[in-house]
């Protein structure tokens, strides 16, 4: 439905609007997006990851680190999928701060800001364990290329999981899902042709 907006820009773009086939989003917001200005490259973000302006990342005030969101730019009609790695922006009216690469692909690099819709790529609420318990995280994949990790994350969201993508110090992008029932999750993942091991990274 959004395919007319796609541009042939790097291999990443094949996944940008795949998230558009999600039947329903559990959360979204609208407002102004900005992007990290020069001088932030190589600095640590709130998640502990080092900011790379060429990665598809973003800062948000409250969404969990690693969560995937689809950002649609109203001015250009372009959309991208990014992962949350930092906190901010702390400017009234702004809802998300994007990496330089994400802003470039949305088409508002020169303008500096744009009106956007931000959609969480998960059709369920964040999984909660019992009283005082945390959800279990299962690692479903590990990739050297961010685009491949994001693509799998979009697929997992489409199947009703809560996916996250985290970059480790070794430069590997790990795709994990937060679950309540481990065996049921393993069964569903197995039906998708995916294996899963416990992940203790959080």
Protein backbone atom coordinates (compact mmCIF):
# COMPACT_ATOMS: atom_id res chain seq x y z
CA UNK A 1 0.00 0.00 0.00
CA UNK A 2 2.95 2.26 0.55
CA UNK A 3 5.20 0.73 -2.09
CA UNK A 4 4.85 3.75 -4.38
CA UNK A 5 6.95 5.71 -1.91
CA UNK A 6 9.97 3.43 -1.99
CA UNK A 7 13.22 4.52 -3.58
CA UNK A 8 16.04 2.30 -4.73
CA UNK A 9 18.42 3.41 -1.99
CA UNK A 10 20.70 0.70 -0.60
CA UNK A 11 19.54 -2.77 0.37
CA UNK A 12 17.92 -1.43 3.53
CA UNK A 13 15.02 0.13 1.69
CA UNK A 14 13.44 -3.20 0.83
CA UNK A 15 12.24 -3.49 4.42
CA UNK A 16 11.10 0.07 5.08
CA UNK A 17 7.48 -0.41 4.25
CA UNK A 18 7.20 -4.11 4.88
CA UNK A 19 5.85 -3.03 8.24
CA UNK A 20 2.94 -1.43 6.42
CA UNK A 21 1.32 -4.84 6.12
CA UNK A 22 0.84 -5.04 9.88
CA UNK A 23 -2.90 -5.11 10.37
CA UNK A 24 -2.91 -3.03 13.52
CA UNK A 25 -0.40 -1.08 15.56
CA UNK A 26 -0.49 -1.19 19.35
CA UNK A 27 0.87 2.35 19.67
CA UNK A 28 1.56 5.42 17.57
CA UNK A 29 2.10 9.15 17.94
CA UNK A 30 2.41 12.13 15.64
CA UNK A 31 4.55 15.22 15.89
CA UNK A 32 7.82 16.73 14.75
CA UNK A 33 10.95 14.70 14.07
CA UNK A 34 14.48 16.08 14.14
CA UNK A 35 17.85 14.45 13.56
CA UNK A 36 21.17 14.28 15.41
CA UNK A 37 23.31 17.17 14.31
CA UNK A 38 27.06 16.93 13.64
CA UNK A 39 29.29 16.21 16.60
CA UNK A 40 27.45 13.17 18.02
CA UNK A 41 29.19 10.46 15.99
CA UNK A 42 31.14 8.08 18.19
CA UNK A 43 29.46 9.19 21.41
CA UNK A 44 27.64 6.80 23.74
CA UNK A 45 23.84 6.84 23.72
CA UNK A 46 21.58 6.21 26.71
CA UNK A 47 21.39 2.51 25.79
CA UNK A 48 25.17 2.19 25.88
CA UNK A 49 25.50 1.82 22.11
CA UNK A 50 27.86 4.18 20.32
CA UNK A 51 26.01 6.49 17.93
CA UNK A 52 26.73 5.89 14.26
CA UNK A 53 25.10 8.44 11.93
CA UNK A 54 24.94 5.82 9.15
CA UNK A 55 22.80 3.40 11.15
CA UNK A 56 18.99 3.36 11.28
CA UNK A 57 18.49 4.47 14.88
CA UNK A 58 16.50 6.99 16.88
CA UNK A 59 15.99 8.57 20.27
CA UNK A 60 12.61 8.45 22.02
CA UNK A 61 11.58 9.57 25.49
CA UNK A 62 9.98 6.33 26.68
CA UNK A 63 9.99 3.40 24.23
CA UNK A 64 12.23 0.48 25.28
CA UNK A 65 15.73 0.33 23.86
CA UNK A 66 15.83 -1.97 20.88
CA UNK A 67 12.17 -1.47 20.02
CA UNK A 68 11.41 -1.04 16.32
CA UNK A 69 9.30 1.81 14.98
CA UNK A 70 8.16 2.83 11.53
CA UNK A 71 8.50 6.57 10.88
CA UNK A 72 6.41 8.06 8.08
CA UNK A 73 7.25 11.57 6.87
CA UNK A 74 4.15 13.54 5.90
CA UNK A 75 6.04 16.04 3.77
CA UNK A 76 7.74 13.48 1.53
CA UNK A 77 5.62 10.36 1.90
CA UNK A 78 8.72 8.29 2.64
CA UNK A 79 8.96 5.82 5.50
CA UNK A 80 11.76 4.00 7.33
CA UNK A 81 12.14 1.46 10.10
CA UNK A 82 14.51 2.41 12.93
CA UNK A 83 15.46 1.00 16.30
CA UNK A 84 15.40 2.96 19.55
CA UNK A 85 18.85 3.39 21.11
CA UNK A 86 18.72 6.71 22.95
CA UNK A 87 16.54 9.09 25.00
CA UNK A 88 15.14 12.36 23.68
CA UNK A 89 14.38 14.67 22.03
CA UNK A 90 13.84 17.07 24.91
CA UNK A 91 12.34 19.89 22.86
CA UNK A 92 8.64 20.63 23.19
CA UNK A 93 6.62 19.35 20.25
CA UNK A 94 9.26 16.93 19.01
CA UNK A 95 8.52 13.22 19.29
CA UNK A 96 11.61 11.50 17.87
CA UNK A 97 15.23 12.29 17.04
CA UNK A 98 16.58 10.31 14.08
CA UNK A 99 20.02 9.34 12.89
CA UNK A 100 21.45 11.29 9.98
CA UNK A 101 20.93 8.33 7.65
CA UNK A 102 17.27 7.93 8.62
CA UNK A 103 16.61 11.65 8.12
CA UNK A 104 18.32 11.52 4.74
CA UNK A 105 16.17 8.62 3.59
CA UNK A 106 13.02 10.36 4.82
CA UNK A 107 14.04 13.40 2.80
CA UNK A 108 14.28 16.15 5.41
CA UNK A 109 18.03 16.32 6.01
CA UNK A 110 18.36 19.90 4.80
CA UNK A 111 15.17 21.12 6.47
CA UNK A 112 16.22 19.70 9.83
CA UNK A 113 12.71 18.81 11.01
CA UNK A 114 9.59 17.21 9.56
CA UNK A 115 6.09 16.19 10.60
CA UNK A 116 5.94 12.43 11.13
CA UNK A 117 3.83 9.55 12.33
CA UNK A 118 5.70 7.07 14.53
CA UNK A 119 4.27 3.54 14.77
CA UNK A 120 5.51 0.84 17.13
CA UNK A 121 6.08 -2.41 15.24
CA UNK A 122 4.41 -4.73 17.72
CA UNK A 123 0.74 -5.67 17.77
CA UNK A 124 0.78 -6.66 21.42
CA UNK A 125 1.65 -4.82 24.60
CA UNK A 126 5.06 -5.30 26.18
CA UNK A 127 5.02 -8.83 27.70
CA UNK A 128 4.77 -8.84 31.48
CA UNK A 129 5.74 -11.73 33.74
CA UNK A 130 4.12 -12.56 37.04
CA UNK A 131 4.37 -10.28 40.05
CA UNK A 132 7.95 -9.11 40.35
CA UNK A 133 8.97 -11.10 37.28
CA UNK A 134 10.53 -9.86 34.06
CA UNK A 135 9.71 -11.28 30.64
CA UNK A 136 12.11 -13.79 29.15
CA UNK A 137 14.15 -12.72 26.14
CA UNK A 138 14.84 -15.19 23.35
CA UNK A 139 17.48 -14.52 20.73
CA UNK A 140 16.16 -15.44 17.30
CA UNK A 141 18.96 -14.23 15.05
CA UNK A 142 22.35 -12.51 14.89
CA UNK A 143 23.58 -10.55 11.88
CA UNK A 144 26.55 -8.51 10.75
CA UNK A 145 24.29 -6.26 8.69
CA UNK A 146 21.76 -4.03 10.40
CA UNK A 147 19.36 -4.28 7.45
CA UNK A 148 19.05 -8.05 7.86
CA UNK A 149 18.31 -7.71 11.57
CA UNK A 150 15.65 -5.07 10.95
CA UNK A 151 14.08 -7.22 8.26
CA UNK A 152 13.72 -10.15 10.67
CA UNK A 153 12.38 -7.81 13.35
CA UNK A 154 9.64 -6.62 10.99
CA UNK A 155 8.74 -10.22 10.20
CA UNK A 156 8.48 -11.09 13.90
CA UNK A 157 6.28 -8.07 14.57
CA UNK A 158 4.00 -9.15 11.74
CA UNK A 159 3.61 -12.52 13.50
CA UNK A 160 2.57 -10.86 16.76
CA UNK A 161 5.86 -10.91 18.67
CA UNK A 162 7.52 -8.05 20.56
CA UNK A 163 10.84 -7.78 18.66
CA UNK A 164 13.93 -5.80 19.60
CA UNK A 165 17.27 -5.34 17.84
CA UNK A 166 20.43 -4.67 19.85
CA UNK A 167 23.95 -4.06 18.61
CA UNK A 168 26.66 -5.65 20.72
CA UNK A 169 30.17 -4.33 21.25
CA UNK A 170 31.40 -6.88 18.73
CA UNK A 171 29.28 -5.22 16.05
CA UNK A 172 26.70 -8.02 15.81
CA UNK A 173 23.02 -7.09 15.60
CA UNK A 174 21.01 -9.46 17.78
CA UNK A 175 17.30 -9.93 17.15
CA UNK A 176 15.40 -10.88 20.30
CA UNK A 177 11.78 -11.27 21.36
CA UNK A 178 10.31 -10.65 24.81
CA UNK A 179 7.92 -13.44 25.79
CA UNK A 180 5.86 -14.70 28.72
CA UNK A 181 5.50 -18.37 27.80
CA UNK A 182 8.86 -19.68 26.61
CA UNK A 183 7.75 -23.04 25.25
CA UNK A 184 4.78 -21.57 23.40
CA UNK A 185 7.07 -18.94 21.90
CA UNK A 186 9.57 -21.60 20.83
CA UNK A 187 6.75 -23.53 19.17
CA UNK A 188 5.56 -20.47 17.25
CA UNK A 189 9.09 -19.52 16.25
CA UNK A 190 9.74 -23.08 15.12
CA UNK A 191 6.71 -22.79 12.87
CA UNK A 192 8.45 -19.81 11.26
CA UNK A 193 11.59 -21.88 10.75
CA UNK A 194 13.44 -20.05 13.52
CA UNK A 195 15.36 -21.36 16.49
CA UNK A 196 15.68 -19.51 19.79
CA UNK A 197 18.07 -19.38 22.75
CA UNK A 198 17.77 -17.39 25.95
CA UNK A 199 19.32 -13.95 25.81
CA UNK A 200 20.61 -12.27 28.97
CA UNK A 201 21.69 -9.02 27.38
CA UNK A 202 19.11 -6.83 29.10
